[in-house]
Amino acid sequence: MKLQSILRANLNDPVPMLMSKIWVFLSLSYIFCDVLSNMEMSALRILLEGNIAGIHMTEGFLLSAGISLQIPFLMVFLTTILPFKSNRIMNMAAASFMIIYQVVSFFLGSGNTLHYVYFSAVEILGNAAIIVLALRWKKVVWEVKYAL
């Protein structure tokens, strides 16, 4: 019953719904940036060698990259079901982590292309928007009146 009331409150509150939609946008942005990066001839050669700027494409590396991609996907769902306080904390933590991850990626890899810088800027701004929304989010108590 508690989950139902949390879900009802979140579905009626525009903030978690907006944050969830931003997480969808960010998820697609991360994917399409990687797709476009893999269309570069130099990136294809490096990927085939299995080594990007000294970083070996091991199973462990790919697992960690996969986990980092799961965070935004998971946040799409969690933003709609978590209670207010833990929702704010999780959104701020996940968005902060993704900003740090994105900034660190500028210093790793095979160089920054124009599309990568563009996508990174959009992704950092999107995550910053989630942090701002979470910080400004005030708990709304919805009264449900039943007509008999």
N, C-alpha and C. Protein backbone atom coordinates (compact mmCIF):
# COMPACT_ATOMS: atom_id res chain seq x y z
N MET A 1 0.81 -1.19 0.00
CA MET A 1 0.00 0.00 0.00
C MET A 1 0.86 1.27 0.00
N LYS A 2 1.99 1.22 0.73
CA LYS A 2 2.89 2.38 0.78
C LYS A 2 3.45 2.68 -0.60
N LEU A 3 3.85 1.65 -1.35
CA LEU A 3 4.38 1.85 -2.69
C LEU A 3 3.34 2.53 -3.58
N GLN A 4 2.09 2.13 -3.43
CA GLN A 4 1.03 2.76 -4.22
C GLN A 4 0.89 4.24 -3.91
N SER A 5 0.98 4.60 -2.64
CA SER A 5 0.84 6.01 -2.29
C SER A 5 2.06 6.81 -2.77
N ILE A 6 3.25 6.21 -2.70
CA ILE A 6 4.46 6.88 -3.21
C ILE A 6 4.34 7.07 -4.72
N LEU A 7 3.93 6.01 -5.41
CA LEU A 7 3.77 6.07 -6.85
C LEU A 7 2.74 7.11 -7.24
N ARG A 8 1.62 7.14 -6.54
CA ARG A 8 0.56 8.12 -6.81
C ARG A 8 1.10 9.54 -6.60
N ALA A 9 1.82 9.75 -5.50
CA ALA A 9 2.38 11.08 -5.22
C ALA A 9 3.37 11.49 -6.30
N ASN A 10 4.24 10.57 -6.71
CA ASN A 10 5.24 10.89 -7.73
C ASN A 10 4.61 11.14 -9.09
N LEU A 11 3.57 10.40 -9.42
CA LEU A 11 2.92 10.58 -10.71
C LEU A 11 2.15 11.89 -10.77
N ASN A 12 1.70 12.38 -9.62
CA ASN A 12 0.99 13.65 -9.57
C ASN A 12 1.92 14.85 -9.41
N ASP A 13 3.16 14.60 -9.06
CA ASP A 13 4.14 15.66 -8.86
C ASP A 13 4.95 15.81 -10.15
N PRO A 14 4.98 17.01 -10.73
CA PRO A 14 5.69 17.17 -12.01
C PRO A 14 7.21 17.03 -11.91
N VAL A 15 7.80 17.24 -10.74
CA VAL A 15 9.27 17.20 -10.63
C VAL A 15 9.83 15.81 -10.91
N PRO A 16 9.36 14.74 -10.23
CA PRO A 16 9.94 13.43 -10.56
C PRO A 16 9.66 13.00 -11.99
N MET A 17 8.52 13.39 -12.53
CA MET A 17 8.22 13.03 -13.92
C MET A 17 9.17 13.76 -14.87
N LEU A 18 9.47 15.02 -14.58
CA LEU A 18 10.42 15.76 -15.41
C LEU A 18 11.82 15.17 -15.29
N MET A 19 12.24 14.85 -14.07
CA MET A 19 13.57 14.25 -13.89
C MET A 19 13.66 12.92 -14.62
N SER A 20 12.61 12.12 -14.56
CA SER A 20 12.60 10.84 -15.26
C SER A 20 12.76 11.04 -16.77
N LYS A 21 12.08 12.05 -17.30
CA LYS A 21 12.19 12.33 -18.74
C LYS A 21 13.59 12.83 -19.10
N ILE A 22 14.20 13.62 -18.21
CA ILE A 22 15.58 14.06 -18.48
C ILE A 22 16.52 12.85 -18.47
N TRP A 23 16.29 11.90 -17.57
CA TRP A 23 17.12 10.68 -17.55
C TRP A 23 16.96 9.90 -18.85
N VAL A 24 15.74 9.86 -19.42
CA VAL A 24 15.54 9.19 -20.72
C VAL A 24 16.35 9.91 -21.79
N PHE A 25 16.24 11.24 -21.81
CA PHE A 25 16.99 12.05 -22.77
C PHE A 25 18.50 11.79 -22.64
N LEU A 26 19.00 11.79 -21.39
CA LEU A 26 20.43 11.56 -21.17
C LEU A 26 20.84 10.15 -21.61
N SER A 27 20.01 9.16 -21.33
CA SER A 27 20.31 7.78 -21.75
C SER A 27 20.50 7.71 -23.26
N LEU A 28 19.58 8.34 -23.99
CA LEU A 28 19.68 8.34 -25.46
C LEU A 28 20.91 9.12 -25.92
N SER A 29 21.21 10.20 -25.24
CA SER A 29 22.38 11.00 -25.60
C SER A 29 23.67 10.21 -25.43
N TYR A 30 23.79 9.47 -24.31
CA TYR A 30 24.98 8.65 -24.09
C TYR A 30 25.12 7.60 -25.20
N ILE A 31 24.02 6.97 -25.54
CA ILE A 31 24.06 5.92 -26.56
C ILE A 31 24.44 6.48 -27.92
N PHE A 32 23.78 7.57 -28.34
CA PHE A 32 24.04 8.10 -29.68
C PHE A 32 25.41 8.74 -29.80
N CYS A 33 25.93 9.28 -28.71
CA CYS A 33 27.32 9.78 -28.76
C CYS A 33 28.27 8.62 -29.03
N ASP A 34 28.05 7.49 -28.36
CA ASP A 34 28.90 6.32 -28.59
C ASP A 34 28.74 5.78 -30.01
N VAL A 35 27.51 5.77 -30.51
CA VAL A 35 27.27 5.29 -31.88
C VAL A 35 28.02 6.17 -32.87
N LEU A 36 27.89 7.48 -32.73
CA LEU A 36 28.59 8.39 -33.64
C LEU A 36 30.11 8.26 -33.51
N SER A 37 30.58 8.09 -32.29
CA SER A 37 32.03 7.92 -32.07
C SER A 37 32.54 6.68 -32.78
N ASN A 38 31.74 5.65 -32.81
CA ASN A 38 32.16 4.41 -33.45
C ASN A 38 32.09 4.48 -34.98
N MET A 39 31.58 5.58 -35.52
CA MET A 39 31.55 5.76 -36.97
C MET A 39 32.81 6.44 -37.49
N GLU A 40 33.63 6.93 -36.60
CA GLU A 40 34.89 7.56 -36.99
C GLU A 40 35.89 6.49 -37.40
N MET A 41 36.56 6.70 -38.50
CA MET A 41 37.52 5.71 -39.00
C MET A 41 38.64 5.48 -37.99
N SER A 42 39.17 6.55 -37.40
CA SER A 42 40.28 6.38 -36.46
C SER A 42 39.81 5.63 -35.22
N ALA A 43 38.60 5.89 -34.78
CA ALA A 43 38.05 5.18 -33.61
C ALA A 43 37.85 3.70 -33.93
N LEU A 44 37.41 3.41 -35.14
CA LEU A 44 37.22 2.01 -35.54
C LEU A 44 38.54 1.25 -35.51
N ARG A 45 39.59 1.86 -36.02
CA ARG A 45 40.90 1.21 -36.01
C ARG A 45 41.36 0.93 -34.58
N ILE A 46 41.19 1.93 -33.74
CA ILE A 46 41.62 1.79 -32.34
C ILE A 46 40.79 0.72 -31.63
N LEU A 47 39.50 0.71 -31.88
CA LEU A 47 38.63 -0.30 -31.26
C LEU A 47 39.03 -1.70 -31.70
N LEU A 48 39.36 -1.85 -32.98
CA LEU A 48 39.77 -3.16 -33.48
C LEU A 48 41.08 -3.62 -32.85
N GLU A 49 41.94 -2.68 -32.48
CA GLU A 49 43.17 -3.02 -31.79
C GLU A 49 42.91 -3.38 -30.33
N GLY A 50 41.78 -2.95 -29.80
CA GLY A 50 41.43 -3.26 -28.42
C GLY A 50 42.16 -2.43 -27.39
N ASN A 51 42.63 -1.25 -27.82
CA ASN A 51 43.40 -0.40 -26.93
C ASN A 51 43.12 1.06 -27.30
N ILE A 52 42.53 1.81 -26.37
CA ILE A 52 42.24 3.22 -26.64
C ILE A 52 43.09 4.06 -25.71
N ALA A 53 44.09 4.73 -26.29
CA ALA A 53 44.99 5.61 -25.54
C ALA A 53 45.56 4.92 -24.29
N GLY A 54 45.99 3.68 -24.46
CA GLY A 54 46.58 2.94 -23.35
C GLY A 54 45.59 2.21 -22.47
N ILE A 55 44.31 2.38 -22.73
CA ILE A 55 43.28 1.67 -21.96
C ILE A 55 42.90 0.41 -22.74
N HIS A 56 43.16 -0.73 -22.15
CA HIS A 56 42.85 -1.99 -22.82
C HIS A 56 41.37 -2.31 -22.65
N MET A 57 40.75 -2.73 -23.74
CA MET A 57 39.34 -3.08 -23.72
C MET A 57 39.17 -4.49 -23.15
N THR A 58 39.30 -4.59 -21.85
CA THR A 58 39.16 -5.88 -21.17
C THR A 58 37.70 -6.09 -20.79
N GLU A 59 37.38 -7.29 -20.34
CA GLU A 59 36.02 -7.56 -19.88
C GLU A 59 35.67 -6.68 -18.69
N GLY A 60 36.63 -6.45 -17.82
CA GLY A 60 36.40 -5.60 -16.65
C GLY A 60 36.10 -4.17 -17.05
N PHE A 61 36.85 -3.64 -18.03
CA PHE A 61 36.61 -2.28 -18.49
C PHE A 61 35.23 -2.17 -19.11
N LEU A 62 34.89 -3.15 -19.96
CA LEU A 62 33.58 -3.12 -20.61
C LEU A 62 32.44 -3.29 -19.60
N LEU A 63 32.67 -4.09 -18.55
CA LEU A 63 31.67 -4.22 -17.50
C LEU A 63 31.46 -2.89 -16.79
N SER A 64 32.55 -2.19 -16.45
CA SER A 64 32.40 -0.91 -15.78
C SER A 64 31.72 0.12 -16.68
N ALA A 65 32.02 0.09 -17.97
CA ALA A 65 31.34 0.98 -18.91
C ALA A 65 29.85 0.64 -18.99
N GLY A 66 29.54 -0.65 -18.99
CA GLY A 66 28.13 -1.07 -19.00
C GLY A 66 27.38 -0.65 -17.75
N ILE A 67 28.05 -0.74 -16.61
CA ILE A 67 27.43 -0.32 -15.35
C ILE A 67 27.16 1.18 -15.39
N SER A 68 28.11 1.95 -15.91
CA SER A 68 27.91 3.40 -15.97
C SER A 68 26.74 3.76 -16.88
N LEU A 69 26.49 2.96 -17.91
CA LEU A 69 25.34 3.21 -18.78
C LEU A 69 24.03 2.79 -18.12
N GLN A 70 24.10 1.85 -17.20
CA GLN A 70 22.88 1.40 -16.52
C GLN A 70 22.35 2.43 -15.52
N ILE A 71 23.22 3.30 -15.03
CA ILE A 71 22.80 4.28 -14.02
C ILE A 71 21.66 5.16 -14.54
N PRO A 72 21.80 5.80 -15.72
CA PRO A 72 20.68 6.62 -16.19
C PRO A 72 19.42 5.80 -16.46
N PHE A 73 19.59 4.58 -16.99
CA PHE A 73 18.42 3.72 -17.23
C PHE A 73 17.70 3.42 -15.93
N LEU A 74 18.46 3.08 -14.92
CA LEU A 74 17.89 2.77 -13.61
C LEU A 74 17.19 3.99 -13.01
N MET A 75 17.77 5.17 -13.20
CA MET A 75 17.19 6.38 -12.64
C MET A 75 15.87 6.75 -13.29
N VAL A 76 15.66 6.37 -14.55
CA VAL A 76 14.36 6.59 -15.19
C VAL A 76 13.28 5.93 -14.36
N PHE A 77 13.54 4.72 -13.92
CA PHE A 77 12.58 3.94 -13.14
C PHE A 77 12.53 4.39 -11.68
N LEU A 78 13.70 4.52 -11.05
CA LEU A 78 13.74 4.84 -9.63
C LEU A 78 13.11 6.20 -9.32
N THR A 79 13.24 7.14 -10.23
CA THR A 79 12.69 8.47 -10.01
C THR A 79 11.18 8.43 -9.85
N THR A 80 10.55 7.44 -10.43
CA THR A 80 9.08 7.35 -10.32
C THR A 80 8.62 6.56 -9.12
N ILE A 81 9.50 5.77 -8.47
CA ILE A 81 9.02 4.91 -7.38
C ILE A 81 9.62 5.22 -6.01
N LEU A 82 10.72 5.95 -5.95
CA LEU A 82 11.35 6.22 -4.66
C LEU A 82 10.58 7.30 -3.89
N PRO A 83 10.56 7.17 -2.57
CA PRO A 83 9.95 8.23 -1.76
C PRO A 83 10.76 9.52 -1.86
N PHE A 84 10.16 10.62 -1.49
CA PHE A 84 10.70 11.97 -1.68
C PHE A 84 12.17 12.10 -1.29
N LYS A 85 12.51 11.83 -0.04
CA LYS A 85 13.86 12.08 0.46
C LYS A 85 14.91 11.23 -0.27
N SER A 86 14.66 9.94 -0.36
CA SER A 86 15.64 9.07 -1.05
C SER A 86 15.68 9.36 -2.55
N ASN A 87 14.57 9.82 -3.10
CA ASN A 87 14.52 10.20 -4.52
C ASN A 87 15.45 11.38 -4.78
N ARG A 88 15.35 12.39 -3.93
CA ARG A 88 16.23 13.57 -4.08
C ARG A 88 17.70 13.16 -3.96
N ILE A 89 18.01 12.36 -2.95
CA ILE A 89 19.39 11.95 -2.71
C ILE A 89 19.92 11.14 -3.89
N MET A 90 19.14 10.17 -4.35
CA MET A 90 19.59 9.31 -5.46
C MET A 90 19.78 10.11 -6.75
N ASN A 91 18.87 11.04 -7.03
CA ASN A 91 19.01 11.84 -8.24
C ASN A 91 20.23 12.73 -8.18
N MET A 92 20.46 13.36 -7.04
CA MET A 92 21.65 14.23 -6.91
C MET A 92 22.93 13.40 -6.98
N ALA A 93 22.94 12.24 -6.35
CA ALA A 93 24.14 11.39 -6.36
C ALA A 93 24.41 10.85 -7.76
N ALA A 94 23.39 10.34 -8.42
CA ALA A 94 23.57 9.77 -9.76
C ALA A 94 24.00 10.84 -10.76
N ALA A 95 23.35 12.00 -10.70
CA ALA A 95 23.69 13.08 -11.64
C ALA A 95 25.11 13.59 -11.36
N SER A 96 25.49 13.71 -10.09
CA SER A 96 26.85 14.15 -9.75
C SER A 96 27.88 13.15 -10.27
N PHE A 97 27.60 11.86 -10.06
CA PHE A 97 28.51 10.82 -10.55
C PHE A 97 28.66 10.90 -12.07
N MET A 98 27.54 11.08 -12.77
CA MET A 98 27.60 11.12 -14.23
C MET A 98 28.34 12.36 -14.73
N ILE A 99 28.24 13.48 -14.01
CA ILE A 99 29.01 14.67 -14.39
C ILE A 99 30.51 14.39 -14.23
N ILE A 100 30.88 13.82 -13.09
CA ILE A 100 32.29 13.49 -12.84
C ILE A 100 32.78 12.51 -13.90
N TYR A 101 31.99 11.49 -14.18
CA TYR A 101 32.34 10.48 -15.18
C TYR A 101 32.58 11.14 -16.54
N GLN A 102 31.71 12.08 -16.90
CA GLN A 102 31.83 12.74 -18.20
C GLN A 102 33.06 13.64 -18.24
N VAL A 103 33.32 14.38 -17.18
CA VAL A 103 34.49 15.26 -17.14
C VAL A 103 35.77 14.44 -17.20
N VAL A 104 35.83 13.34 -16.46
CA VAL A 104 37.02 12.48 -16.47
C VAL A 104 37.25 11.90 -17.87
N SER A 105 36.17 11.64 -18.60
CA SER A 105 36.32 11.05 -19.94
C SER A 105 37.05 11.98 -20.91
N PHE A 106 37.08 13.29 -20.62
CA PHE A 106 37.84 14.21 -21.47
C PHE A 106 39.33 13.94 -21.40
N PHE A 107 39.78 13.39 -20.29
CA PHE A 107 41.21 13.18 -20.10
C PHE A 107 41.64 11.76 -20.44
N LEU A 108 40.69 10.91 -20.78
CA LEU A 108 40.98 9.53 -21.17
C LEU A 108 40.55 9.34 -22.62
N GLY A 109 41.00 8.31 -23.22
CA GLY A 109 40.55 8.00 -24.57
C GLY A 109 41.46 8.56 -25.63
N SER A 110 40.93 8.62 -26.83
CA SER A 110 41.75 8.92 -28.00
C SER A 110 41.61 10.35 -28.50
N GLY A 111 41.13 11.23 -27.70
CA GLY A 111 41.00 12.62 -28.14
C GLY A 111 39.54 13.03 -28.19
N ASN A 112 39.33 14.31 -28.13
CA ASN A 112 37.98 14.84 -28.11
C ASN A 112 37.60 15.40 -29.47
N THR A 113 36.59 14.81 -30.07
CA THR A 113 36.09 15.29 -31.35
C THR A 113 35.00 16.32 -31.10
N LEU A 114 34.62 17.03 -32.15
CA LEU A 114 33.58 18.07 -32.01
C LEU A 114 32.27 17.49 -31.51
N HIS A 115 31.87 16.34 -32.06
CA HIS A 115 30.58 15.78 -31.62
C HIS A 115 30.66 15.31 -30.17
N TYR A 116 31.83 14.82 -29.75
CA TYR A 116 31.98 14.35 -28.37
C TYR A 116 31.90 15.52 -27.38
N VAL A 117 32.53 16.62 -27.72
CA VAL A 117 32.47 17.81 -26.87
C VAL A 117 31.04 18.33 -26.80
N TYR A 118 30.36 18.34 -27.94
CA TYR A 118 28.96 18.79 -27.97
C TYR A 118 28.08 17.91 -27.09
N PHE A 119 28.12 16.59 -27.30
CA PHE A 119 27.31 15.68 -26.50
C PHE A 119 27.67 15.78 -25.02
N SER A 120 28.95 15.90 -24.73
CA SER A 120 29.38 16.00 -23.33
C SER A 120 28.81 17.25 -22.67
N ALA A 121 28.83 18.37 -23.38
CA ALA A 121 28.26 19.61 -22.83
C ALA A 121 26.77 19.44 -22.55
N VAL A 122 26.06 18.85 -23.50
CA VAL A 122 24.62 18.62 -23.32
C VAL A 122 24.38 17.69 -22.13
N GLU A 123 25.19 16.64 -22.02
CA GLU A 123 25.02 15.66 -20.93
C GLU A 123 25.35 16.28 -19.57
N ILE A 124 26.37 17.08 -19.51
CA ILE A 124 26.72 17.75 -18.24
C ILE A 124 25.62 18.72 -17.85
N LEU A 125 25.10 19.48 -18.81
CA LEU A 125 24.00 20.41 -18.52
C LEU A 125 22.73 19.67 -18.09
N GLY A 126 22.44 18.55 -18.74
CA GLY A 126 21.27 17.75 -18.37
C GLY A 126 21.38 17.22 -16.95
N ASN A 127 22.55 16.72 -16.59
CA ASN A 127 22.76 16.23 -15.22
C ASN A 127 22.72 17.37 -14.21
N ALA A 128 23.26 18.52 -14.59
CA ALA A 128 23.19 19.70 -13.71
C ALA A 128 21.74 20.12 -13.50
N ALA A 129 20.92 20.02 -14.54
CA ALA A 129 19.50 20.36 -14.41
C ALA A 129 18.80 19.43 -13.42
N ILE A 130 19.17 18.15 -13.44
CA ILE A 130 18.59 17.20 -12.49
C ILE A 130 18.99 17.58 -11.06
N ILE A 131 20.24 17.96 -10.86
CA ILE A 131 20.69 18.37 -9.52
C ILE A 131 19.92 19.60 -9.05
N VAL A 132 19.76 20.58 -9.93
CA VAL A 132 19.03 21.80 -9.57
C VAL A 132 17.57 21.47 -9.25
N LEU A 133 16.94 20.64 -10.08
CA LEU A 133 15.55 20.25 -9.82
C LEU A 133 15.42 19.53 -8.48
N ALA A 134 16.34 18.63 -8.21
CA ALA A 134 16.29 17.89 -6.95
C ALA A 134 16.49 18.81 -5.75
N LEU A 135 17.39 19.77 -5.87
CA LEU A 135 17.64 20.70 -4.77
C LEU A 135 16.45 21.61 -4.51
N ARG A 136 15.78 22.02 -5.57
CA ARG A 136 14.64 22.94 -5.43
C ARG A 136 13.31 22.24 -5.17
N TRP A 137 13.32 20.93 -5.30
CA TRP A 137 12.09 20.15 -5.19
C TRP A 137 11.56 20.20 -3.76
N LYS A 138 10.33 20.60 -3.62
CA LYS A 138 9.66 20.64 -2.33
C LYS A 138 8.61 19.53 -2.30
N LYS A 139 8.52 18.90 -1.17
CA LYS A 139 7.56 17.81 -1.02
C LYS A 139 6.14 18.38 -1.10
N VAL A 140 5.34 17.79 -1.96
CA VAL A 140 3.95 18.20 -2.12
C VAL A 140 3.06 17.11 -1.55
N VAL A 141 2.16 17.51 -0.71
CA VAL A 141 1.20 16.56 -0.16
C VAL A 141 -0.10 16.73 -0.93
N TRP A 142 -0.48 15.66 -1.61
CA TRP A 142 -1.68 15.69 -2.41
C TRP A 142 -2.84 15.13 -1.60
N GLU A 143 -3.90 15.88 -1.57
CA GLU A 143 -5.10 15.39 -0.92
C GLU A 143 -5.99 14.75 -1.97
N VAL A 144 -6.35 13.54 -1.73
CA VAL A 144 -7.24 12.85 -2.64
C VAL A 144 -8.61 12.80 -1.99
N LYS A 145 -9.57 13.40 -2.68
CA LYS A 145 -10.93 13.42 -2.16
C LYS A 145 -11.77 12.45 -2.96
N TYR A 146 -12.43 11.61 -2.26
CA TYR A 146 -13.25 10.61 -2.92
C TYR A 146 -14.71 11.03 -2.83
N ALA A 147 -15.37 10.99 -3.94
CA ALA A 147 -16.80 11.31 -3.95
C ALA A 147 -17.58 10.01 -3.79
N LEU A 148 -18.51 10.04 -2.91
CA LEU A 148 -19.34 8.85 -2.70
C LEU A 148 -20.71 9.04 -3.25
